[in-house]
N, C-alpha and C. Protein backbone atom coordinates (compact mmCIF):
# COMPACT_ATOMS: atom_id res chain seq x y z
N UNK A 1 -12.88 27.64 -42.58
CA UNK A 1 -13.28 28.93 -42.08
C UNK A 1 -13.98 28.74 -40.74
N UNK A 2 -13.65 29.55 -39.77
CA UNK A 2 -14.23 29.48 -38.45
C UNK A 2 -15.45 30.38 -38.39
N UNK A 3 -16.57 29.82 -37.95
CA UNK A 3 -17.78 30.60 -37.77
C UNK A 3 -18.05 30.67 -36.28
N UNK A 4 -18.08 31.88 -35.77
CA UNK A 4 -18.29 32.08 -34.35
C UNK A 4 -19.54 32.92 -34.19
N UNK A 5 -20.55 32.37 -33.51
CA UNK A 5 -21.85 33.03 -33.46
C UNK A 5 -22.21 33.63 -32.12
N UNK A 6 -21.80 33.04 -31.04
CA UNK A 6 -22.25 33.53 -29.75
C UNK A 6 -21.09 34.07 -28.93
N UNK A 7 -21.43 34.97 -28.03
CA UNK A 7 -20.42 35.57 -27.17
C UNK A 7 -20.17 34.67 -25.97
N UNK A 8 -18.91 34.53 -25.62
CA UNK A 8 -18.53 33.73 -24.46
C UNK A 8 -18.70 34.62 -23.23
N UNK A 9 -19.53 34.17 -22.28
CA UNK A 9 -19.72 34.98 -21.08
C UNK A 9 -18.98 34.33 -19.91
N UNK A 10 -18.38 35.17 -19.09
CA UNK A 10 -17.66 34.73 -17.90
C UNK A 10 -16.58 33.69 -18.21
N UNK A 11 -15.98 33.80 -19.36
CA UNK A 11 -14.93 32.86 -19.74
C UNK A 11 -13.59 33.50 -19.45
N UNK A 12 -12.70 32.75 -18.84
CA UNK A 12 -11.34 33.20 -18.58
C UNK A 12 -10.39 32.21 -19.25
N UNK A 13 -9.67 32.65 -20.28
CA UNK A 13 -8.79 31.72 -20.99
C UNK A 13 -7.67 31.17 -20.13
N UNK A 14 -7.34 31.85 -19.05
CA UNK A 14 -6.30 31.34 -18.15
C UNK A 14 -6.73 30.08 -17.43
N UNK A 15 -8.03 29.87 -17.31
CA UNK A 15 -8.55 28.70 -16.61
C UNK A 15 -8.85 27.53 -17.55
N UNK A 16 -8.64 27.73 -18.83
CA UNK A 16 -8.94 26.67 -19.81
C UNK A 16 -7.73 25.73 -19.91
N UNK A 17 -7.93 24.43 -19.62
CA UNK A 17 -6.81 23.49 -19.66
C UNK A 17 -6.37 23.13 -21.08
N UNK A 18 -7.21 23.41 -22.08
CA UNK A 18 -6.89 23.06 -23.47
C UNK A 18 -6.48 24.32 -24.22
N UNK A 19 -5.21 24.33 -24.66
CA UNK A 19 -4.71 25.48 -25.39
C UNK A 19 -5.38 25.57 -26.75
N UNK A 20 -5.88 26.73 -27.07
CA UNK A 20 -6.59 27.05 -28.30
C UNK A 20 -7.83 26.17 -28.49
N UNK A 21 -8.57 26.00 -27.40
CA UNK A 21 -9.86 25.32 -27.47
C UNK A 21 -10.84 26.22 -28.22
N UNK A 22 -12.00 25.70 -28.53
CA UNK A 22 -13.01 26.47 -29.24
C UNK A 22 -13.36 27.74 -28.47
N UNK A 23 -13.57 27.62 -27.16
CA UNK A 23 -13.93 28.78 -26.35
C UNK A 23 -12.79 29.80 -26.31
N UNK A 24 -11.55 29.32 -26.26
CA UNK A 24 -10.41 30.23 -26.23
C UNK A 24 -10.30 30.98 -27.56
N UNK A 25 -10.49 30.27 -28.66
CA UNK A 25 -10.45 30.94 -29.97
C UNK A 25 -11.57 31.97 -30.08
N UNK A 26 -12.73 31.61 -29.58
CA UNK A 26 -13.87 32.52 -29.61
C UNK A 26 -13.59 33.76 -28.77
N UNK A 27 -12.99 33.55 -27.61
CA UNK A 27 -12.64 34.67 -26.73
C UNK A 27 -11.71 35.65 -27.46
N UNK A 28 -10.65 35.13 -28.08
CA UNK A 28 -9.70 36.00 -28.76
C UNK A 28 -10.29 36.60 -30.03
N UNK A 29 -11.19 35.89 -30.68
CA UNK A 29 -11.89 36.43 -31.84
C UNK A 29 -12.66 37.69 -31.42
N UNK A 30 -13.37 37.60 -30.31
CA UNK A 30 -14.12 38.75 -29.81
C UNK A 30 -13.19 39.89 -29.41
N UNK A 31 -12.10 39.58 -28.74
CA UNK A 31 -11.13 40.61 -28.34
C UNK A 31 -10.56 41.31 -29.56
N UNK A 32 -10.18 40.55 -30.57
CA UNK A 32 -9.60 41.14 -31.78
C UNK A 32 -10.62 41.98 -32.53
N UNK A 33 -11.86 41.51 -32.60
CA UNK A 33 -12.89 42.30 -33.27
C UNK A 33 -13.19 43.60 -32.55
N UNK A 34 -13.20 43.57 -31.23
CA UNK A 34 -13.38 44.81 -30.46
C UNK A 34 -12.24 45.78 -30.71
N UNK A 35 -11.03 45.26 -30.75
CA UNK A 35 -9.86 46.10 -31.03
C UNK A 35 -9.95 46.70 -32.43
N UNK A 36 -10.37 45.89 -33.40
CA UNK A 36 -10.50 46.37 -34.77
C UNK A 36 -11.56 47.46 -34.87
N UNK A 37 -12.70 47.27 -34.23
CA UNK A 37 -13.75 48.29 -34.24
C UNK A 37 -13.25 49.59 -33.62
N UNK A 38 -12.52 49.50 -32.52
CA UNK A 38 -11.97 50.68 -31.87
C UNK A 38 -11.00 51.40 -32.79
N UNK A 39 -10.16 50.64 -33.49
CA UNK A 39 -9.19 51.25 -34.40
C UNK A 39 -9.88 51.94 -35.58
N UNK A 40 -10.95 51.34 -36.07
CA UNK A 40 -11.69 51.95 -37.18
C UNK A 40 -12.34 53.26 -36.73
N UNK A 41 -12.92 53.28 -35.52
CA UNK A 41 -13.51 54.51 -34.99
C UNK A 41 -12.44 55.59 -34.82
N UNK A 42 -11.29 55.21 -34.29
CA UNK A 42 -10.20 56.18 -34.10
C UNK A 42 -9.69 56.70 -35.44
N UNK A 43 -9.68 55.85 -36.45
CA UNK A 43 -9.21 56.27 -37.77
C UNK A 43 -10.13 57.34 -38.34
N UNK A 44 -11.43 57.18 -38.18
CA UNK A 44 -12.38 58.18 -38.65
C UNK A 44 -12.17 59.49 -37.91
N UNK A 45 -12.05 59.42 -36.59
CA UNK A 45 -11.83 60.62 -35.78
C UNK A 45 -10.53 61.31 -36.18
N UNK A 46 -9.47 60.54 -36.37
CA UNK A 46 -8.17 61.11 -36.71
C UNK A 46 -8.21 61.76 -38.10
N UNK A 47 -8.90 61.14 -39.03
CA UNK A 47 -9.02 61.72 -40.37
C UNK A 47 -9.72 63.06 -40.32
N UNK A 48 -10.76 63.15 -39.50
CA UNK A 48 -11.48 64.41 -39.35
C UNK A 48 -10.60 65.47 -38.69
N UNK A 49 -9.83 65.07 -37.69
CA UNK A 49 -8.97 66.04 -37.01
C UNK A 49 -7.83 66.51 -37.92
N UNK A 50 -7.35 65.64 -38.79
CA UNK A 50 -6.31 66.04 -39.73
C UNK A 50 -6.84 67.07 -40.71
N UNK A 51 -8.09 66.92 -41.12
CA UNK A 51 -8.69 67.88 -42.04
C UNK A 51 -8.86 69.24 -41.37
N UNK A 52 -9.14 69.26 -40.08
CA UNK A 52 -9.33 70.51 -39.35
C UNK A 52 -8.02 71.28 -39.20
N UNK A 53 -6.90 70.59 -39.16
CA UNK A 53 -5.61 71.22 -38.91
C UNK A 53 -4.94 71.66 -40.22
N UNK A 54 -5.66 71.63 -41.31
CA UNK A 54 -5.06 71.90 -42.61
C UNK A 54 -4.87 73.40 -42.90
N UNK A 55 -5.35 74.27 -42.06
CA UNK A 55 -5.27 75.71 -42.32
C UNK A 55 -3.88 76.25 -42.04
N UNK A 56 -3.54 77.33 -42.75
CA UNK A 56 -2.28 78.03 -42.53
C UNK A 56 -2.54 79.17 -41.55
N UNK A 57 -1.64 79.34 -40.62
CA UNK A 57 -1.75 80.39 -39.61
C UNK A 57 -0.85 81.57 -40.03
N UNK A 58 -1.32 82.79 -39.78
CA UNK A 58 -0.51 83.95 -40.18
C UNK A 58 0.77 84.11 -39.34
N UNK A 59 0.72 83.70 -38.10
CA UNK A 59 1.88 83.83 -37.23
C UNK A 59 2.77 82.59 -37.37
N UNK A 60 4.08 82.79 -37.52
CA UNK A 60 4.96 81.65 -37.76
C UNK A 60 5.03 80.72 -36.55
N UNK A 61 4.87 81.25 -35.33
CA UNK A 61 4.88 80.40 -34.14
C UNK A 61 3.63 79.53 -34.13
N UNK A 62 2.48 80.15 -34.40
CA UNK A 62 1.24 79.38 -34.47
C UNK A 62 1.32 78.33 -35.58
N UNK A 63 1.92 78.72 -36.70
CA UNK A 63 2.03 77.78 -37.81
C UNK A 63 2.92 76.61 -37.44
N UNK A 64 3.98 76.87 -36.69
CA UNK A 64 4.87 75.77 -36.29
C UNK A 64 4.15 74.82 -35.33
N UNK A 65 3.30 75.36 -34.48
CA UNK A 65 2.51 74.51 -33.59
C UNK A 65 1.55 73.65 -34.40
N UNK A 66 0.91 74.24 -35.38
CA UNK A 66 -0.01 73.50 -36.24
C UNK A 66 0.73 72.40 -36.99
N UNK A 67 1.91 72.72 -37.50
CA UNK A 67 2.70 71.72 -38.23
C UNK A 67 3.12 70.58 -37.32
N UNK A 68 3.49 70.90 -36.09
CA UNK A 68 3.88 69.86 -35.13
C UNK A 68 2.69 68.96 -34.80
N UNK A 69 1.52 69.54 -34.60
CA UNK A 69 0.31 68.76 -34.35
C UNK A 69 -0.01 67.86 -35.54
N UNK A 70 0.14 68.39 -36.73
CA UNK A 70 -0.13 67.61 -37.94
C UNK A 70 0.86 66.44 -38.03
N UNK A 71 2.13 66.70 -37.75
CA UNK A 71 3.13 65.64 -37.78
C UNK A 71 2.81 64.55 -36.74
N UNK A 72 2.48 64.98 -35.52
CA UNK A 72 2.12 64.01 -34.48
C UNK A 72 0.91 63.17 -34.89
N UNK A 73 -0.07 63.82 -35.50
CA UNK A 73 -1.26 63.09 -35.96
C UNK A 73 -0.90 62.07 -37.04
N UNK A 74 -0.02 62.45 -37.95
CA UNK A 74 0.39 61.51 -38.99
C UNK A 74 1.14 60.31 -38.42
N UNK A 75 2.02 60.57 -37.47
CA UNK A 75 2.77 59.49 -36.83
C UNK A 75 1.81 58.55 -36.12
N UNK A 76 0.88 59.12 -35.37
CA UNK A 76 -0.11 58.31 -34.66
C UNK A 76 -0.97 57.54 -35.65
N UNK A 77 -1.35 58.16 -36.75
CA UNK A 77 -2.16 57.51 -37.78
C UNK A 77 -1.41 56.32 -38.39
N UNK A 78 -0.13 56.48 -38.65
CA UNK A 78 0.66 55.37 -39.19
C UNK A 78 0.75 54.22 -38.20
N UNK A 79 0.93 54.55 -36.92
CA UNK A 79 0.95 53.52 -35.88
C UNK A 79 -0.38 52.78 -35.84
N UNK A 80 -1.48 53.50 -35.89
CA UNK A 80 -2.80 52.89 -35.86
C UNK A 80 -3.03 52.00 -37.08
N UNK A 81 -2.56 52.41 -38.25
CA UNK A 81 -2.70 51.60 -39.46
C UNK A 81 -1.90 50.31 -39.32
N UNK A 82 -0.71 50.40 -38.76
CA UNK A 82 0.12 49.22 -38.56
C UNK A 82 -0.56 48.26 -37.57
N UNK A 83 -1.10 48.81 -36.50
CA UNK A 83 -1.79 48.00 -35.51
C UNK A 83 -3.03 47.35 -36.11
N UNK A 84 -3.74 48.09 -36.94
CA UNK A 84 -4.93 47.53 -37.60
C UNK A 84 -4.55 46.35 -38.50
N UNK A 85 -3.47 46.47 -39.24
CA UNK A 85 -3.06 45.35 -40.10
C UNK A 85 -2.64 44.15 -39.27
N UNK A 86 -2.02 44.39 -38.09
CA UNK A 86 -1.66 43.29 -37.19
C UNK A 86 -2.91 42.58 -36.67
N UNK A 87 -3.93 43.34 -36.30
CA UNK A 87 -5.17 42.76 -35.80
C UNK A 87 -5.86 41.97 -36.90
N UNK A 88 -5.92 42.53 -38.10
CA UNK A 88 -6.54 41.82 -39.21
C UNK A 88 -5.79 40.53 -39.54
N UNK A 89 -4.47 40.57 -39.47
CA UNK A 89 -3.67 39.37 -39.72
C UNK A 89 -3.94 38.32 -38.65
N UNK A 90 -4.11 38.75 -37.40
CA UNK A 90 -4.42 37.81 -36.32
C UNK A 90 -5.78 37.15 -36.56
N UNK A 91 -6.73 37.92 -37.04
CA UNK A 91 -8.05 37.34 -37.35
C UNK A 91 -7.94 36.30 -38.47
N UNK A 92 -7.08 36.57 -39.45
CA UNK A 92 -6.85 35.58 -40.53
C UNK A 92 -6.19 34.32 -39.98
N UNK A 93 -5.25 34.50 -39.03
CA UNK A 93 -4.62 33.32 -38.43
C UNK A 93 -5.64 32.52 -37.62
N UNK A 94 -6.59 33.19 -37.01
CA UNK A 94 -7.65 32.48 -36.30
C UNK A 94 -8.45 31.63 -37.27
N UNK A 95 -8.73 32.17 -38.44
CA UNK A 95 -9.49 31.44 -39.46
C UNK A 95 -8.73 30.24 -40.01
N UNK A 96 -7.42 30.41 -40.21
CA UNK A 96 -6.67 29.29 -40.81
C UNK A 96 -6.10 28.31 -39.78
N UNK A 97 -6.32 28.61 -38.49
CA UNK A 97 -5.91 27.67 -37.45
C UNK A 97 -4.51 27.84 -36.92
N UNK A 98 -3.79 28.85 -37.37
CA UNK A 98 -2.41 29.04 -36.91
C UNK A 98 -2.31 30.04 -35.76
N UNK A 99 -3.43 30.60 -35.34
CA UNK A 99 -3.43 31.60 -34.27
C UNK A 99 -2.99 30.96 -32.95
N UNK A 100 -2.18 31.71 -32.21
CA UNK A 100 -1.75 31.25 -30.90
C UNK A 100 -0.41 30.53 -30.92
N UNK A 101 0.14 30.36 -32.11
CA UNK A 101 1.41 29.65 -32.25
C UNK A 101 2.43 30.58 -32.91
N UNK A 102 3.65 30.53 -32.40
CA UNK A 102 4.74 31.37 -32.88
C UNK A 102 4.99 31.09 -34.36
N UNK A 103 5.05 32.16 -35.16
CA UNK A 103 5.27 31.97 -36.59
C UNK A 103 6.71 31.55 -36.90
N UNK A 104 7.62 31.76 -35.96
CA UNK A 104 9.02 31.38 -36.17
C UNK A 104 9.30 29.95 -35.73
N UNK A 105 8.73 29.54 -34.60
CA UNK A 105 9.07 28.23 -34.04
C UNK A 105 7.91 27.23 -34.06
N UNK A 106 6.68 27.73 -34.16
CA UNK A 106 5.52 26.86 -34.11
C UNK A 106 5.09 26.50 -32.70
N UNK A 107 5.81 27.01 -31.71
CA UNK A 107 5.48 26.74 -30.31
C UNK A 107 4.32 27.64 -29.88
N UNK A 108 3.57 27.22 -28.86
CA UNK A 108 2.49 28.08 -28.35
C UNK A 108 3.03 29.42 -27.86
N UNK A 109 2.33 30.48 -28.18
CA UNK A 109 2.71 31.82 -27.74
C UNK A 109 2.45 31.98 -26.25
N UNK A 110 1.37 31.41 -25.79
CA UNK A 110 1.02 31.49 -24.37
C UNK A 110 -0.19 32.39 -24.15
N UNK A 111 -1.04 31.94 -23.27
CA UNK A 111 -2.29 32.66 -23.02
C UNK A 111 -2.03 34.05 -22.42
N UNK A 112 -1.11 34.14 -21.48
CA UNK A 112 -0.84 35.44 -20.85
C UNK A 112 -0.38 36.47 -21.88
N UNK A 113 0.49 36.04 -22.78
CA UNK A 113 0.99 36.95 -23.82
C UNK A 113 -0.12 37.35 -24.77
N UNK A 114 -0.99 36.40 -25.12
CA UNK A 114 -2.09 36.72 -26.03
C UNK A 114 -3.12 37.63 -25.37
N UNK A 115 -3.29 37.51 -24.07
CA UNK A 115 -4.20 38.43 -23.38
C UNK A 115 -3.62 39.84 -23.44
N UNK A 116 -2.32 39.97 -23.24
CA UNK A 116 -1.67 41.27 -23.28
C UNK A 116 -1.63 41.85 -24.69
N UNK A 117 -1.36 41.01 -25.67
CA UNK A 117 -1.27 41.44 -27.08
C UNK A 117 -1.89 40.36 -27.95
N UNK A 118 -3.20 40.41 -28.17
CA UNK A 118 -3.88 39.34 -28.91
C UNK A 118 -3.41 39.17 -30.35
N UNK A 119 -2.68 40.13 -30.86
CA UNK A 119 -2.19 40.06 -32.23
C UNK A 119 -0.72 39.61 -32.29
N UNK A 120 -0.18 39.12 -31.18
CA UNK A 120 1.23 38.72 -31.12
C UNK A 120 1.54 37.63 -32.14
N UNK A 121 2.71 37.74 -32.75
CA UNK A 121 3.17 36.76 -33.74
C UNK A 121 4.15 35.75 -33.15
N UNK A 122 4.87 36.18 -32.12
CA UNK A 122 5.99 35.38 -31.63
C UNK A 122 5.81 35.02 -30.16
N UNK A 123 6.40 33.89 -29.78
CA UNK A 123 6.47 33.53 -28.36
C UNK A 123 7.45 34.50 -27.70
N UNK A 124 7.47 34.52 -26.40
CA UNK A 124 8.26 35.51 -25.66
C UNK A 124 9.76 35.37 -25.94
N UNK A 125 10.24 34.15 -26.12
CA UNK A 125 11.68 33.96 -26.37
C UNK A 125 12.10 34.55 -27.71
N UNK A 126 11.32 34.30 -28.75
CA UNK A 126 11.65 34.83 -30.08
C UNK A 126 11.50 36.34 -30.08
N UNK A 127 10.45 36.86 -29.43
CA UNK A 127 10.25 38.31 -29.38
C UNK A 127 11.41 38.99 -28.66
N UNK A 128 11.85 38.40 -27.55
CA UNK A 128 12.99 38.97 -26.82
C UNK A 128 14.24 38.96 -27.67
N UNK A 129 14.44 37.89 -28.42
CA UNK A 129 15.61 37.81 -29.30
C UNK A 129 15.52 38.86 -30.40
N UNK A 130 14.32 39.06 -30.96
CA UNK A 130 14.15 40.06 -32.00
C UNK A 130 14.42 41.47 -31.48
N UNK A 131 14.10 41.68 -30.21
CA UNK A 131 14.32 42.99 -29.62
C UNK A 131 15.72 43.13 -29.04
N UNK A 132 16.53 42.10 -29.17
CA UNK A 132 17.90 42.16 -28.69
C UNK A 132 18.02 42.04 -27.19
N UNK A 133 17.06 41.41 -26.58
CA UNK A 133 17.09 41.24 -25.14
C UNK A 133 17.35 39.79 -24.81
N UNK A 134 17.84 39.56 -23.62
CA UNK A 134 18.01 38.21 -23.13
C UNK A 134 16.92 37.94 -22.12
N UNK A 135 16.45 36.73 -22.16
CA UNK A 135 15.45 36.33 -21.18
C UNK A 135 16.15 35.42 -20.18
N UNK A 136 16.17 35.86 -18.95
CA UNK A 136 16.83 35.08 -17.90
C UNK A 136 15.80 34.19 -17.25
N UNK A 137 16.06 32.90 -17.28
CA UNK A 137 15.12 31.94 -16.70
C UNK A 137 15.37 31.73 -15.24
């Protein structure tokens, strides 16, 4: 189990010559925790807004607008739940030592990709293949 106690200040993982060094893991731990906290706050807000939209409107046009808003909120809520599970899984990978490495190939995912998506599972080549794209070198 990884215990991380202090915040890394002025650390840039792009300048670290050692892939998945202690400081790099700590940096991504903090990034993932901030993302998780943000998602939890948004979940509370979204739950409250869904409860507010539960009323029936007498006018069918108004009711259709309310239904569309409710549908959009549910879709967004499902996306947020999926993202939250991805972030939590990334935190578990940090704990077990597999974070930063492609789950399909075992190759490093890359610092730039992890900065863009700290919960990434795949290196860019595998992700492009999964999305049906070709990567031109």
